Amino acid sequence: MTTKSTKSTNLSSTTIRISSSTKEALENLDFVRKDTFEEILLKLIEHYKNKK
């Protein structure tokens, strides 16, 4: 994984590699079309925590 600092927002970013089929499946989810990738991941994490 590659981590770099983004000067304009002062946030750290990470490159995540996923397969084309996983990317396509994510893009086809209803809530994905309006959210950033970070928001998508946070929703998935929250959903996972609630299922425990």
C-alpha atoms as a PDB file:
ATOM      1  CA  MET A   1       0.000   0.000   0.000  1.00  0.00           C
ATOM      2  CA  THR A   2       1.136   3.508  -0.809  1.00  0.00           C
ATOM      3  CA  THR A   3       0.477   6.334   1.609  1.00  0.00           C
ATOM      4  CA  LYS A   4       0.951   9.980   0.718  1.00  0.00           C
ATOM      5  CA  SER A   5       0.051  13.272   2.284  1.00  0.00           C
ATOM      6  CA  THR A   6      -2.430  15.494   0.490  1.00  0.00           C
ATOM      7  CA  LYS A   7      -1.301  19.094   1.011  1.00  0.00           C
ATOM      8  CA  SER A   8      -4.565  20.824   0.107  1.00  0.00           C
ATOM      9  CA  THR A   9      -6.668  18.965   2.684  1.00  0.00           C
ATOM     10  CA  ASN A  10      -3.945  17.977   5.124  1.00  0.00           C
ATOM     11  CA  LEU A  11      -5.208  14.387   5.041  1.00  0.00           C
ATOM     12  CA  SER A  12      -3.292  11.223   4.450  1.00  0.00           C
ATOM     13  CA  SER A  13      -4.390   9.039   1.539  1.00  0.00           C
ATOM     14  CA  THR A  14      -3.882   5.364   0.775  1.00  0.00           C
ATOM     15  CA  THR A  15      -4.007   3.479  -2.499  1.00  0.00           C
ATOM     16  CA  ILE A  16      -6.158   0.349  -2.308  1.00  0.00           C
ATOM     17  CA  ARG A  17      -6.036  -2.114  -5.181  1.00  0.00           C
ATOM     18  CA  ILE A  18      -9.234  -4.010  -5.985  1.00  0.00           C
ATOM     19  CA  SER A  19     -10.203  -6.235  -8.884  1.00  0.00           C
ATOM     20  CA  SER A  20     -12.266  -4.899 -11.769  1.00  0.00           C
ATOM     21  CA  SER A  21     -15.210  -7.099 -10.792  1.00  0.00           C
ATOM     22  CA  THR A  22     -15.160  -5.786  -7.206  1.00  0.00           C
ATOM     23  CA  LYS A  23     -14.962  -2.196  -8.467  1.00  0.00           C
ATOM     24  CA  GLU A  24     -17.899  -2.811 -10.782  1.00  0.00           C
ATOM     25  CA  ALA A  25     -19.940  -4.415  -7.984  1.00  0.00           C
ATOM     26  CA  LEU A  26     -19.232  -1.427  -5.706  1.00  0.00           C
ATOM     27  CA  GLU A  27     -20.159   1.067  -8.405  1.00  0.00           C
ATOM     28  CA  ASN A  28     -23.488  -0.695  -8.935  1.00  0.00           C
ATOM     29  CA  LEU A  29     -24.588  -0.291  -5.304  1.00  0.00           C
ATOM     30  CA  ASP A  30     -27.269   2.383  -4.898  1.00  0.00           C
ATOM     31  CA  PHE A  31     -25.558   4.382  -2.145  1.00  0.00           C
ATOM     32  CA  VAL A  32     -22.197   4.438  -3.940  1.00  0.00           C
ATOM     33  CA  ARG A  33     -23.271   6.813  -6.682  1.00  0.00           C
ATOM     34  CA  LYS A  34     -23.549   9.789  -4.325  1.00  0.00           C
ATOM     35  CA  ASP A  35     -20.732   9.143  -1.823  1.00  0.00           C
ATOM     36  CA  THR A  36     -16.956   9.418  -1.796  1.00  0.00           C
ATOM     37  CA  PHE A  37     -14.960   6.217  -1.454  1.00  0.00           C
ATOM     38  CA  GLU A  38     -14.159   7.126   2.155  1.00  0.00           C
ATOM     39  CA  GLU A  39     -17.868   7.530   2.941  1.00  0.00           C
ATOM     40  CA  ILE A  40     -18.569   4.156   1.323  1.00  0.00           C
ATOM     41  CA  LEU A  41     -15.907   2.473   3.457  1.00  0.00           C
ATOM     42  CA  LEU A  42     -17.211   4.125   6.618  1.00  0.00           C
ATOM     43  CA  LYS A  43     -20.738   2.882   5.846  1.00  0.00           C
ATOM     44  CA  LEU A  44     -19.424  -0.639   5.249  1.00  0.00           C
ATOM     45  CA  ILE A  45     -17.452  -0.544   8.525  1.00  0.00           C
ATOM     46  CA  GLU A  46     -20.510   0.687  10.437  1.00  0.00           C
ATOM     47  CA  HIS A  47     -22.668  -2.014   8.861  1.00  0.00           C
ATOM     48  CA  TYR A  48     -20.112  -4.672   9.819  1.00  0.00           C
ATOM     49  CA  LYS A  49     -19.922  -3.410  13.413  1.00  0.00           C
ATOM     50  CA  ASN A  50     -23.720  -3.499  13.703  1.00  0.00           C
ATOM     51  CA  LYS A  51     -23.818  -7.115  12.472  1.00  0.00           C
ATOM     52  CA  LYS A  52     -21.445  -8.370  15.196  1.00  0.00           C
END
